[in-house]
Protein backbone atom coordinates (compact mmCIF):
# COMPACT_ATOMS: atom_id res chain seq x y z
CA MET A 1 0.06 -0.17 -0.02
CA THR A 2 1.60 3.15 -1.33
CA GLN A 3 1.70 5.80 1.83
CA SER A 4 0.66 9.21 1.49
CA PRO A 5 3.29 12.00 1.17
CA ARG A 6 5.01 12.88 4.59
CA TYR A 7 3.70 16.77 4.27
CA LEU A 8 -0.08 15.15 4.20
CA GLN A 9 0.64 12.84 7.15
CA ILE A 10 1.68 16.33 8.95
CA LYS A 11 -1.27 17.93 7.70
CA GLN A 12 -3.80 15.46 9.16
CA TYR A 13 -1.81 15.03 12.29
CA LEU A 14 -2.61 18.78 12.90
CA ASN A 15 -6.13 18.85 11.20
CA ASP A 16 -6.81 16.03 13.99
CA LYS A 17 -5.71 17.82 16.98
CA ILE A 18 -7.71 21.23 15.73
CA GLN A 19 -11.21 18.94 14.79
CA SER A 20 -10.97 17.11 18.26
CA ARG A 21 -10.07 20.52 19.68
CA ILE A 22 -7.07 19.01 21.92
CA TRP A 23 -5.85 22.28 20.10
CA PRO A 24 -8.62 25.02 20.99
CA PRO A 25 -9.15 28.07 19.22
CA GLY A 26 -6.02 30.29 19.98
CA PHE A 27 -3.58 27.29 20.76
CA ARG A 28 -0.26 27.98 19.39
CA ILE A 29 0.87 24.98 17.47
CA PRO A 30 4.40 23.54 17.21
CA THR A 31 6.95 25.21 14.96
CA GLU A 32 8.21 24.10 11.98
CA LEU A 33 11.69 23.21 13.52
CA GLU A 34 9.57 21.05 15.82
CA LEU A 35 7.21 19.44 13.73
CA SER A 36 10.34 18.58 11.38
CA GLU A 37 12.20 17.10 13.99
CA GLN A 38 9.05 15.07 15.06
CA PHE A 39 8.52 13.73 11.77
CA SER A 40 11.88 13.45 10.64
CA VAL A 41 11.48 15.90 7.69
CA SER A 42 12.44 18.98 6.24
CA ARG A 43 11.07 22.55 7.50
CA MET A 44 9.92 23.02 3.83
CA THR A 45 7.60 19.83 4.40
CA ALA A 46 6.50 20.93 7.45
CA ASN A 47 6.07 24.40 6.05
CA LYS A 48 3.87 22.97 2.99
CA ALA A 49 1.26 21.26 6.00
CA ILE A 50 0.96 24.23 7.96
CA ARG A 51 0.48 26.38 4.56
CA ASP A 52 -2.12 24.40 3.41
CA LEU A 53 -4.07 24.53 6.53
CA VAL A 54 -3.54 28.56 6.54
CA LYS A 55 -5.51 28.63 2.93
CA GLU A 56 -8.33 26.32 4.19
CA GLY A 57 -8.60 28.62 7.40
CA LEU A 58 -7.77 26.48 10.13
CA LEU A 59 -4.37 27.94 11.39
CA GLU A 60 -3.40 31.70 11.10
CA ARG A 61 0.20 33.06 11.52
CA THR A 62 1.24 36.22 13.66
CA PRO A 63 4.60 37.58 12.66
CA ARG A 64 7.35 36.83 15.18
CA LEU A 65 4.58 35.03 17.50
CA GLY A 66 3.73 31.83 15.82
CA THR A 67 1.10 29.79 13.92
CA PHE A 68 -2.32 30.01 16.03
CA VAL A 69 -5.52 27.50 15.55
CA CYS A 70 -8.11 29.97 14.01
CA GLN A 71 -10.95 31.29 16.25
CA LYS A 72 -14.36 30.80 14.10
CA LYS A 73 -15.28 34.25 12.96
CA ALA A 74 -17.64 36.02 14.91
CA GLU A 75 -20.77 37.10 12.99
CA SER A 76 -23.30 39.94 13.58
CA PRO A 77 -26.41 40.66 11.21
CA LEU A 78 -25.81 44.02 9.27
CA MET A 79 -29.18 45.13 8.67
CA THR A 80 -30.46 44.85 12.18
CA ILE A 81 -29.22 45.80 15.79
CA ARG A 82 -28.54 42.91 18.40
CA ASN A 83 -27.14 42.90 21.53
CA ILE A 84 -23.42 41.28 21.38
CA ALA A 85 -23.63 39.96 24.54
CA THR A 86 -26.89 37.51 23.23
CA GLU A 87 -25.10 37.11 20.20
CA VAL A 88 -21.92 35.79 22.16
CA LYS A 89 -24.19 33.35 24.28
CA ASP A 90 -26.02 32.25 21.57
CA ARG A 91 -23.06 30.86 19.98
CA GLY A 92 -22.48 28.78 22.98
CA ASN A 93 -19.54 31.08 24.26
CA ASP A 94 -18.84 33.10 27.34
CA TYR A 95 -19.46 36.75 27.20
CA SER A 96 -17.64 39.68 29.03
CA SER A 97 -16.81 43.08 29.03
CA LYS A 98 -14.49 45.71 30.38
CA VAL A 99 -15.42 49.30 30.87
CA ILE A 100 -12.26 51.61 29.50
CA SER A 101 -13.95 54.76 29.90
CA GLN A 102 -17.26 56.23 31.10
CA SER A 103 -17.43 59.91 31.46
CA THR A 104 -19.30 63.29 30.59
CA ILE A 105 -17.25 65.39 27.84
CA ALA A 106 -17.48 68.33 25.62
CA ALA A 107 -18.28 67.36 21.97
CA ASN A 108 -15.75 68.18 19.57
CA GLU A 109 -16.85 69.65 16.14
CA ASP A 110 -16.57 65.92 14.44
CA ILE A 111 -18.67 64.57 17.32
CA ALA A 112 -21.31 67.27 17.48
CA LEU A 113 -22.07 66.64 13.53
CA ARG A 114 -22.38 62.92 14.27
CA LEU A 115 -24.95 63.41 17.23
CA GLY A 116 -26.61 66.69 15.92
CA VAL A 117 -25.58 69.03 18.89
CA ARG A 118 -23.63 71.98 19.27
CA HIS A 119 -19.92 72.21 19.53
CA GLY A 120 -18.79 72.33 23.17
CA THR A 121 -22.13 70.40 24.31
CA ASP A 122 -22.14 68.00 27.09
CA VAL A 123 -22.41 64.49 25.97
CA TYR A 124 -21.80 60.82 27.44
CA PHE A 125 -19.46 58.97 26.47
CA THR A 126 -18.25 55.16 26.93
CA GLN A 127 -15.50 53.22 25.64
CA ILE A 128 -15.83 49.54 26.27
CA VAL A 129 -14.10 46.32 24.88
CA HIS A 130 -16.31 43.56 24.18
CA TYR A 131 -14.98 39.44 24.96
CA GLU A 132 -16.07 36.29 23.23
CA ASN A 133 -14.28 33.31 25.49
CA SER A 134 -11.73 36.18 26.64
CA TYR A 135 -10.95 37.18 23.54
CA PRO A 136 -11.49 40.61 22.30
CA ILE A 137 -14.06 40.93 19.45
CA GLN A 138 -15.12 44.44 19.60
CA LEU A 139 -14.07 47.84 20.91
CA GLU A 140 -17.40 50.02 21.17
CA GLU A 141 -16.77 53.94 21.21
CA ARG A 142 -20.45 55.39 21.88
CA TRP A 143 -21.33 58.96 22.19
CA VAL A 144 -25.01 59.47 23.55
CA ASN A 145 -27.35 62.47 23.97
CA PRO A 146 -28.03 63.17 27.60
CA ASP A 147 -31.43 64.71 26.86
CA PHE A 148 -33.05 61.47 25.51
CA ALA A 149 -31.04 58.91 27.84
CA PRO A 150 -30.23 60.72 30.98
CA ASP A 151 -29.42 58.06 33.11
CA TYR A 152 -26.91 56.51 30.77
CA ILE A 153 -23.71 57.59 32.22
CA GLU A 154 -25.10 55.90 36.02
CA GLN A 155 -25.27 52.58 34.24
CA ASN A 156 -22.99 49.53 35.13
CA PHE A 157 -22.08 48.31 32.10
CA THR A 158 -20.39 45.27 33.11
CA GLU A 159 -23.84 43.96 33.86
CA GLN A 160 -25.33 45.02 30.74
CA THR A 161 -24.12 46.36 27.60
CA PRO A 162 -25.26 49.81 26.01
CA ASN A 163 -27.12 48.69 23.37
CA GLU A 164 -29.36 46.53 26.03
CA TYR A 165 -29.84 49.74 28.20
CA LEU A 166 -30.77 51.97 24.91
CA VAL A 167 -33.29 49.70 23.68
CA LYS A 168 -35.13 49.74 26.95
CA ALA A 169 -34.67 53.36 27.51
CA CYS A 170 -35.32 54.55 23.97
CA PRO A 171 -36.91 52.37 21.61
CA LEU A 172 -35.07 51.79 18.15
CA SER A 173 -36.68 53.59 15.58
CA ASP A 174 -33.87 53.88 12.69
CA ILE A 175 -30.64 53.43 11.95
CA GLU A 176 -27.76 54.57 9.90
CA HIS A 177 -24.50 52.60 9.31
CA THR A 178 -21.59 52.13 7.28
CA VAL A 179 -18.90 49.39 7.36
CA GLU A 180 -15.07 49.86 6.43
CA ALA A 181 -11.98 48.04 6.30
CA ILE A 182 -8.92 50.06 8.17
CA LEU A 183 -5.86 49.72 9.68
CA PRO A 184 -6.47 51.13 13.16
CA ALA A 185 -4.58 53.27 15.13
CA ARG A 186 -2.11 51.54 17.78
CA ARG A 187 -4.83 52.50 20.79
CA ILE A 188 -7.12 50.36 19.12
CA ALA A 189 -5.14 47.81 17.95
CA ASP A 190 -3.99 47.38 21.70
CA LEU A 191 -7.06 47.09 22.64
CA LEU A 192 -8.11 44.14 20.66
CA ASN A 193 -4.94 42.29 21.16
CA MET A 194 -4.38 42.86 17.33
CA PRO A 195 -1.00 42.71 15.57
CA ALA A 196 0.52 45.82 13.92
CA ASN A 197 -0.61 46.65 10.33
CA SER A 198 -3.75 44.31 10.80
CA PRO A 199 -6.89 45.34 9.38
CA CYS A 200 -10.28 45.51 11.31
CA LEU A 201 -14.01 46.16 10.55
CA LEU A 202 -15.31 49.46 11.73
CA LEU A 203 -18.92 50.05 11.66
CA ASN A 204 -20.17 53.94 11.84
CA ARG A 205 -23.50 53.75 13.74
CA ARG A 206 -26.12 56.41 14.65
CA THR A 207 -29.45 55.42 16.04
CA TRP A 208 -32.59 57.41 16.30
CA SER A 209 -35.75 56.73 18.85
CA ASP A 210 -38.67 58.57 17.23
CA LYS A 211 -37.27 61.67 15.61
CA ASN A 212 -34.49 62.04 18.24
CA LEU A 213 -30.94 61.25 17.34
CA VAL A 214 -29.80 59.38 20.59
CA SER A 215 -26.39 57.81 19.84
CA THR A 216 -23.80 57.58 17.67
CA ALA A 217 -20.92 54.88 17.94
CA LEU A 218 -18.09 53.29 16.44
CA LEU A 219 -17.56 49.75 16.68
CA TYR A 220 -14.30 48.13 15.58
CA HIS A 221 -13.87 44.65 15.08
CA PRO A 222 -10.54 42.30 14.20
CA GLY A 223 -10.86 41.68 10.49
CA ASN A 224 -9.82 38.04 10.92
CA LYS A 225 -11.86 37.11 13.83
CA TYR A 226 -15.24 38.75 13.07
CA LYS A 227 -17.46 39.42 9.93
CA LEU A 228 -21.05 41.00 9.07
CA SER A 229 -23.68 39.58 7.23
CA SER A 230 -26.92 40.77 5.54
CA ARG A 231 -29.80 39.04 4.08
CA SER A 232 -32.38 41.04 1.69
CA ARG A 233 -35.54 39.93 -0.15
CA ILE A 234 -35.25 41.19 -3.87
């Protein structure tokens, strides 16, 4: 019986570890050198096995850090607004968050324009990192008009998300959003635990309750761990 090429044997070995979850998402696999020694092959052979699994989306390489088992990409509907905590739990995963900032600030020219208030008006600002199984999947920067959600700044956003509170306090009537791929600033990349020069998805969203523009938000997602989807009938 003809034996399969050695790189396929290594590939099958790696795939078995991944599919059985012996190596869970985020696990750093052995290096090319370690695999070449384990299977008594050249590093080029080990490299081919790894490259195949990278192309298939099972592994991802991070410069200077190693090769890791891919996280399954989180997915959010583009045309509707869902509570991110509910999304994560519906996928059977653990949700948590960290509040980076929660304060009242004077709206600069850009935020005043986005929120429909005068330059210098006091608005509420929150910056929160949302996690799925301890991995950051979204950085939320949100500005809220105090006239329409006066209790927003007093909420405990480790117990409920801003979305959860605002849906109850200011029932949603309209949304506006745009999506773009960007290279994030260093502060954003650090909060999302992203390597340098790695792209992220930026969702720019504004929400209304009745005819009142209540909130504007910038939602950053690691491009290699997140995707946005939409479905419509024609």
